[in-house]
N, C-alpha and C. Protein backbone atom coordinates (compact mmCIF):
# COMPACT_ATOMS: atom_id res chain seq x y z
N UNK A 1 105.00 125.40 103.98
CA UNK A 1 104.53 124.22 103.50
C UNK A 1 105.17 123.51 102.39
N UNK A 2 105.65 124.23 101.29
CA UNK A 2 106.12 123.60 100.54
C UNK A 2 107.47 123.00 100.69
N UNK A 3 108.14 123.50 101.65
CA UNK A 3 109.22 123.15 102.34
C UNK A 3 109.20 121.71 103.04
N UNK A 4 108.11 121.42 103.59
CA UNK A 4 107.66 120.18 103.88
C UNK A 4 107.50 118.77 103.24
N UNK A 5 107.24 119.38 101.94
CA UNK A 5 106.98 118.41 100.61
C UNK A 5 108.23 117.85 99.90
N UNK A 6 109.15 118.57 100.18
CA UNK A 6 110.36 118.31 99.69
C UNK A 6 111.84 117.96 100.91
N UNK A 7 111.43 117.95 101.86
CA UNK A 7 112.11 117.34 103.06
C UNK A 7 112.52 115.92 103.10
N UNK A 8 114.23 116.44 103.79
CA UNK A 8 114.73 114.73 103.76
C UNK A 8 113.84 113.52 103.90
N UNK A 9 113.04 113.90 105.01
CA UNK A 9 112.44 112.73 106.14
C UNK A 9 111.05 112.68 105.09
N UNK A 10 110.47 113.43 104.68
CA UNK A 10 109.46 113.19 103.25
C UNK A 10 109.94 111.98 102.37
N UNK A 11 111.04 112.95 101.56
CA UNK A 11 111.81 111.60 100.81
C UNK A 11 112.03 110.53 101.16
N UNK A 12 112.93 110.09 102.56
CA UNK A 12 112.79 109.01 103.39
C UNK A 12 111.76 108.03 102.65
N UNK A 13 110.30 108.75 103.53
CA UNK A 13 109.26 107.78 103.74
C UNK A 13 108.88 107.27 102.26
N UNK A 14 108.87 108.39 101.36
CA UNK A 14 108.53 107.87 100.08
C UNK A 14 109.19 106.80 99.59
N UNK A 15 110.74 106.66 99.53
CA UNK A 15 111.31 105.79 99.03
C UNK A 15 111.43 104.44 99.86
N UNK A 16 111.11 104.49 101.03
CA UNK A 16 110.51 103.23 102.05
C UNK A 16 109.40 102.72 101.27
N UNK A 17 108.66 103.39 100.95
CA UNK A 17 107.34 103.15 100.28
C UNK A 17 107.69 102.50 99.17
N UNK A 18 108.30 102.99 98.29
CA UNK A 18 108.27 102.27 96.95
C UNK A 18 109.46 101.14 97.01
N UNK A 19 110.14 100.98 98.25
CA UNK A 19 111.00 99.83 98.54
C UNK A 19 109.90 98.26 98.50
N UNK A 20 109.16 98.72 99.65
CA UNK A 20 108.20 97.84 100.24
C UNK A 20 107.39 97.39 98.83
N UNK A 21 106.86 98.65 98.39
CA UNK A 21 106.25 98.23 96.82
C UNK A 21 106.86 96.95 95.80
N UNK A 22 108.05 97.57 95.65
CA UNK A 22 108.80 96.60 94.89
C UNK A 22 108.98 95.29 95.61
N UNK A 23 109.33 95.01 96.91
CA UNK A 23 109.49 93.69 97.45
C UNK A 23 108.28 93.07 96.93
N UNK A 24 106.89 93.73 97.55
CA UNK A 24 105.60 92.84 97.18
C UNK A 24 105.79 92.20 95.94
N UNK A 25 105.94 93.00 95.07
CA UNK A 25 106.00 92.83 93.49
C UNK A 25 106.75 91.60 93.19
N UNK A 26 108.19 91.84 93.81
CA UNK A 26 109.08 90.73 93.19
C UNK A 26 108.85 89.51 93.55
N UNK A 27 108.16 89.32 95.18
CA UNK A 27 107.93 88.02 95.91
C UNK A 27 106.60 87.65 95.08
N UNK A 28 105.52 88.38 94.61
CA UNK A 28 104.93 88.11 94.01
C UNK A 28 105.01 87.34 92.71
N UNK A 29 105.86 87.83 92.08
CA UNK A 29 106.27 87.08 90.57
C UNK A 29 107.15 85.55 91.46
N UNK A 30 107.80 85.64 92.10
CA UNK A 30 108.51 84.68 92.60
C UNK A 30 107.63 83.48 93.03
N UNK A 31 106.40 83.65 93.45
CA UNK A 31 105.85 82.58 93.96
C UNK A 31 104.12 82.29 93.26
N UNK A 32 104.63 82.95 91.98
CA UNK A 32 104.03 82.27 90.73
C UNK A 32 104.53 81.38 90.21
N UNK A 33 105.76 81.80 90.19
CA UNK A 33 106.94 80.66 89.34
C UNK A 33 106.65 80.76 88.04
N UNK A 34 106.70 81.78 87.55
CA UNK A 34 106.03 82.09 86.12
C UNK A 34 107.44 82.06 85.09
N UNK A 35 108.12 80.91 85.08
CA UNK A 35 109.51 80.80 84.41
C UNK A 35 109.18 81.21 82.63
N UNK A 36 108.17 81.78 82.28
CA UNK A 36 107.72 82.48 80.87
C UNK A 36 107.89 83.69 81.07
N UNK A 37 107.94 84.29 82.08
CA UNK A 37 107.69 85.56 82.71
C UNK A 37 108.84 86.68 81.81
N UNK A 38 109.30 87.56 81.93
CA UNK A 38 110.20 88.42 81.49
C UNK A 38 111.17 88.40 82.66
N UNK A 39 112.33 88.01 82.62
CA UNK A 39 113.36 87.79 83.26
C UNK A 39 114.07 89.21 83.25
N UNK A 40 114.14 89.98 82.18
CA UNK A 40 115.22 91.04 82.51
C UNK A 40 114.03 91.87 83.00
N UNK A 41 112.89 92.24 83.07
CA UNK A 41 112.25 93.12 83.98
C UNK A 41 112.20 92.84 85.64
N UNK A 42 111.93 91.56 85.88
CA UNK A 42 112.30 91.11 87.22
C UNK A 42 113.74 91.38 87.56
N UNK A 43 115.05 91.16 86.52
CA UNK A 43 116.21 91.67 87.10
C UNK A 43 115.87 93.26 87.26
N UNK A 44 115.30 93.96 86.12
CA UNK A 44 115.45 95.60 86.79
C UNK A 44 114.71 95.96 87.65
N UNK A 45 113.77 95.44 88.33
CA UNK A 45 113.16 95.51 89.50
C UNK A 45 114.01 95.34 90.36
N UNK A 46 114.76 94.23 90.72
CA UNK A 46 115.59 94.02 91.46
C UNK A 46 116.71 95.19 91.90
N UNK A 47 117.18 95.55 90.29
CA UNK A 47 118.15 96.45 90.70
C UNK A 47 117.66 97.76 91.01
N UNK A 48 116.73 97.97 90.56
CA UNK A 48 115.69 99.46 91.50
C UNK A 48 115.79 99.18 92.59
N UNK A 49 115.18 97.99 93.22
CA UNK A 49 115.38 98.12 94.51
C UNK A 49 116.41 98.07 95.22
N UNK A 50 117.61 97.75 94.65
CA UNK A 50 119.23 97.64 95.50
C UNK A 50 118.88 99.13 94.98
N UNK A 51 119.04 100.20 94.33
CA UNK A 51 119.14 101.45 94.39
C UNK A 51 118.74 102.45 95.49
N UNK A 52 117.34 101.80 95.70
CA UNK A 52 116.73 102.44 96.38
C UNK A 52 117.17 102.24 98.07
N UNK A 53 117.30 101.11 98.47
CA UNK A 53 117.78 100.40 99.74
C UNK A 53 119.14 101.34 99.89
N UNK A 54 120.20 101.60 98.78
CA UNK A 54 121.45 102.55 98.93
C UNK A 54 120.75 103.77 99.38
N UNK A 55 119.73 104.52 98.78
CA UNK A 55 119.42 105.93 98.65
C UNK A 55 119.03 105.76 100.24
N UNK A 56 118.21 105.16 100.42
CA UNK A 56 117.69 104.76 102.08
C UNK A 56 118.76 104.69 102.90
N UNK A 57 119.78 104.63 102.42
CA UNK A 57 120.65 104.25 103.51
C UNK A 57 121.83 105.56 104.22
N UNK A 58 121.39 106.09 102.79
CA UNK A 58 122.33 107.43 102.57
C UNK A 58 121.61 108.64 103.16
N UNK A 59 119.95 108.49 103.11
CA UNK A 59 119.56 109.57 103.79
C UNK A 59 119.32 109.05 105.52
N UNK A 60 119.61 108.19 105.94
CA UNK A 60 119.27 107.81 107.06
C UNK A 60 120.71 108.01 107.93
N UNK A 61 121.39 107.85 107.09
CA UNK A 61 122.84 108.24 107.64
C UNK A 61 123.06 109.97 107.78
N UNK A 62 122.10 110.60 107.04
CA UNK A 62 122.90 112.03 106.79
C UNK A 62 121.75 112.87 107.72
N UNK A 63 120.53 111.88 107.93
CA UNK A 63 119.40 112.60 109.08
C UNK A 63 119.81 111.79 110.28
N UNK A 64 120.48 110.76 110.66
CA UNK A 64 120.64 110.38 112.04
C UNK A 64 122.55 110.49 111.98
N UNK A 65 122.89 111.39 112.54
CA UNK A 65 124.58 111.22 112.85
C UNK A 65 124.92 110.02 113.73
N UNK A 66 126.33 110.07 113.17
CA UNK A 66 126.85 108.75 114.05
C UNK A 66 126.98 109.20 116.08
N UNK A 67 126.80 108.18 116.41
CA UNK A 67 126.55 108.74 117.85
C UNK A 67 128.21 108.87 118.49
N UNK A 68 128.46 110.01 119.18
CA UNK A 68 129.48 110.13 119.62
C UNK A 68 130.51 109.12 120.61
N UNK A 69 131.68 108.52 120.18
CA UNK A 69 132.75 107.90 120.78
C UNK A 69 132.48 107.47 122.05
């Protein structure tokens, strides 16, 4: 059971959920149009989202090997 908690598939799901949460948070900030908000915080959120996207792509490639030619 402990193995399932640390499986690459579970990690991929967790990363996708975190990425979706960040998407929603960033979109909400953009819709609010609050230019007095913390721009640095928004940039950090976007950078984290990008890192998550890269990690998701890496894990997907690891879990789904390329198709034979």
